[in-house]
Amino acid sequence: MAALNLDDLFNKMVGAATTSLSGKWPAISALATTSLKTLAQNLVNVQELLLAESISQAQATLMIDMQKNSLQTVLLSEEGLGLIAAQDAINAVIGVVKDAVNVAIGFALL
């Protein structure tokens, strides 16, 4: 199992969010960046917990689902950013790291 790299995950996520949210990114970047960093860190933590057999696949999935919901809440806090735009941004963020995370973790987490 290859170790996930926090900086690599985070940079890919920020790039995807910036592209997806384009004109809205400047207004939400501070909040979104913090949430993306937390999501990236939690992905790394989940991998470590799985390797240590401290959590199950179901618990890992629940942990990451909660982080995705938190990111959605942050994105929706920007006035004028609708649910569809927020979900598109989350899908873009997850999409750029999905394969790397799923291979590193060993099951379809994302």
Protein backbone atom coordinates (compact mmCIF):
# COMPACT_ATOMS: atom_id res chain seq x y z
CA MET A 1 0.00 0.00 0.00
CA ALA A 2 1.56 3.29 -1.11
CA ALA A 3 1.48 6.09 1.46
CA LEU A 4 -0.68 9.07 0.58
CA ASN A 5 1.16 12.37 0.33
CA LEU A 6 -0.67 15.18 2.13
CA ASP A 7 0.79 18.03 0.08
CA ASP A 8 0.12 16.27 -3.22
CA LEU A 9 -3.50 15.52 -2.29
CA PHE A 10 -4.07 19.07 -1.04
CA ASN A 11 -2.54 20.74 -4.10
CA LYS A 12 -4.61 18.63 -6.48
CA MET A 13 -7.78 19.38 -4.52
CA VAL A 14 -7.15 23.13 -4.49
CA GLY A 15 -6.46 23.09 -8.22
CA ALA A 16 -9.70 21.25 -8.92
CA ALA A 17 -11.74 23.54 -6.65
CA THR A 18 -10.18 26.65 -8.18
CA THR A 19 -11.06 25.47 -11.67
CA SER A 20 -14.55 24.28 -10.78
CA LEU A 21 -15.53 27.39 -8.83
CA SER A 22 -13.67 29.81 -11.12
CA GLY A 23 -15.16 33.26 -10.46
CA LYS A 24 -16.44 32.31 -7.00
CA TRP A 25 -13.07 31.00 -5.82
CA PRO A 26 -11.64 34.34 -4.57
CA ALA A 27 -14.63 34.89 -2.27
CA ILE A 28 -14.54 31.43 -0.74
CA SER A 29 -10.88 30.45 -1.04
CA ALA A 30 -9.91 31.07 2.60
CA LEU A 31 -12.69 28.89 4.01
CA ALA A 32 -12.50 26.31 1.26
CA THR A 33 -8.73 25.96 1.54
CA THR A 34 -9.02 25.16 5.23
CA SER A 35 -11.70 22.54 4.55
CA LEU A 36 -9.69 21.01 1.71
CA LYS A 37 -6.62 20.78 3.95
CA THR A 38 -8.72 19.03 6.59
CA LEU A 39 -10.13 16.60 4.02
CA ALA A 40 -6.65 15.82 2.68
CA GLN A 41 -5.32 15.31 6.22
CA ASN A 42 -8.23 13.03 7.07
CA LEU A 43 -7.59 10.92 3.99
CA VAL A 44 -3.99 10.44 5.15
CA ASN A 45 -5.19 9.71 8.70
CA VAL A 46 -7.74 7.16 7.47
CA GLN A 47 -5.02 5.33 5.59
CA GLU A 48 -2.86 5.23 8.72
CA LEU A 49 -5.77 4.01 10.86
CA LEU A 50 -6.62 1.32 8.32
CA LEU A 51 -3.01 0.15 8.22
CA ALA A 52 -3.00 -0.04 12.02
CA GLU A 53 -6.34 -1.91 11.84
CA SER A 54 -7.82 0.69 14.21
CA ILE A 55 -10.89 1.33 12.04
CA SER A 56 -13.01 -0.66 9.62
CA GLN A 57 -13.77 0.18 6.00
CA ALA A 58 -17.25 1.26 7.08
CA GLN A 59 -15.81 3.63 9.70
CA ALA A 60 -13.36 5.03 7.15
CA THR A 61 -16.18 5.69 4.71
CA LEU A 62 -18.25 7.41 7.40
CA MET A 63 -15.33 9.62 8.42
CA ILE A 64 -14.73 10.77 4.85
CA ASP A 65 -18.45 11.25 4.16
CA MET A 66 -18.60 13.60 7.15
CA GLN A 67 -15.68 15.59 5.73
CA LYS A 68 -17.35 15.85 2.33
CA ASN A 69 -20.52 17.13 4.03
CA SER A 70 -18.48 19.69 5.93
CA LEU A 71 -16.89 20.88 2.69
CA GLN A 72 -20.32 21.19 1.12
CA THR A 73 -21.50 23.34 4.04
CA VAL A 74 -18.50 25.63 3.65
CA LEU A 75 -19.06 25.99 -0.08
CA LEU A 76 -22.73 26.72 0.41
CA SER A 77 -21.86 29.52 2.82
CA GLU A 78 -20.84 31.62 -0.18
CA GLU A 79 -23.83 33.68 -1.24
CA GLY A 80 -24.94 32.78 -4.72
CA LEU A 81 -23.10 29.47 -4.83
CA GLY A 82 -25.87 26.95 -5.30
CA LEU A 83 -26.05 23.31 -4.34
CA ILE A 84 -25.27 22.14 -7.86
CA ALA A 85 -22.14 24.30 -8.08
CA ALA A 86 -21.03 23.14 -4.63
CA GLN A 87 -21.59 19.50 -5.55
CA ASP A 88 -19.77 19.95 -8.86
CA ALA A 89 -16.79 21.41 -6.97
CA ILE A 90 -16.77 18.52 -4.49
CA ASN A 91 -16.97 16.03 -7.36
CA ALA A 92 -14.03 17.75 -9.04
CA VAL A 93 -12.00 17.75 -5.82
CA ILE A 94 -12.71 14.06 -5.17
CA GLY A 95 -12.19 13.17 -8.81
CA VAL A 96 -8.58 14.37 -8.93
CA VAL A 97 -7.55 12.21 -5.95
CA LYS A 98 -10.02 9.31 -6.17
CA ASP A 99 -7.82 6.80 -7.97
CA ALA A 100 -4.71 7.51 -5.90
CA VAL A 101 -6.64 7.32 -2.63
CA ASN A 102 -8.58 4.18 -3.50
CA VAL A 103 -5.44 2.35 -4.66
CA ALA A 104 -3.45 3.49 -1.61
CA ILE A 105 -6.22 2.51 0.80
CA GLY A 106 -7.06 -0.74 -0.94
CA PHE A 107 -10.82 -0.29 -1.44
CA ALA A 108 -13.26 2.18 -3.01
CA LEU A 109 -13.36 4.87 -0.31
CA LEU A 110 -14.09 7.70 -2.75
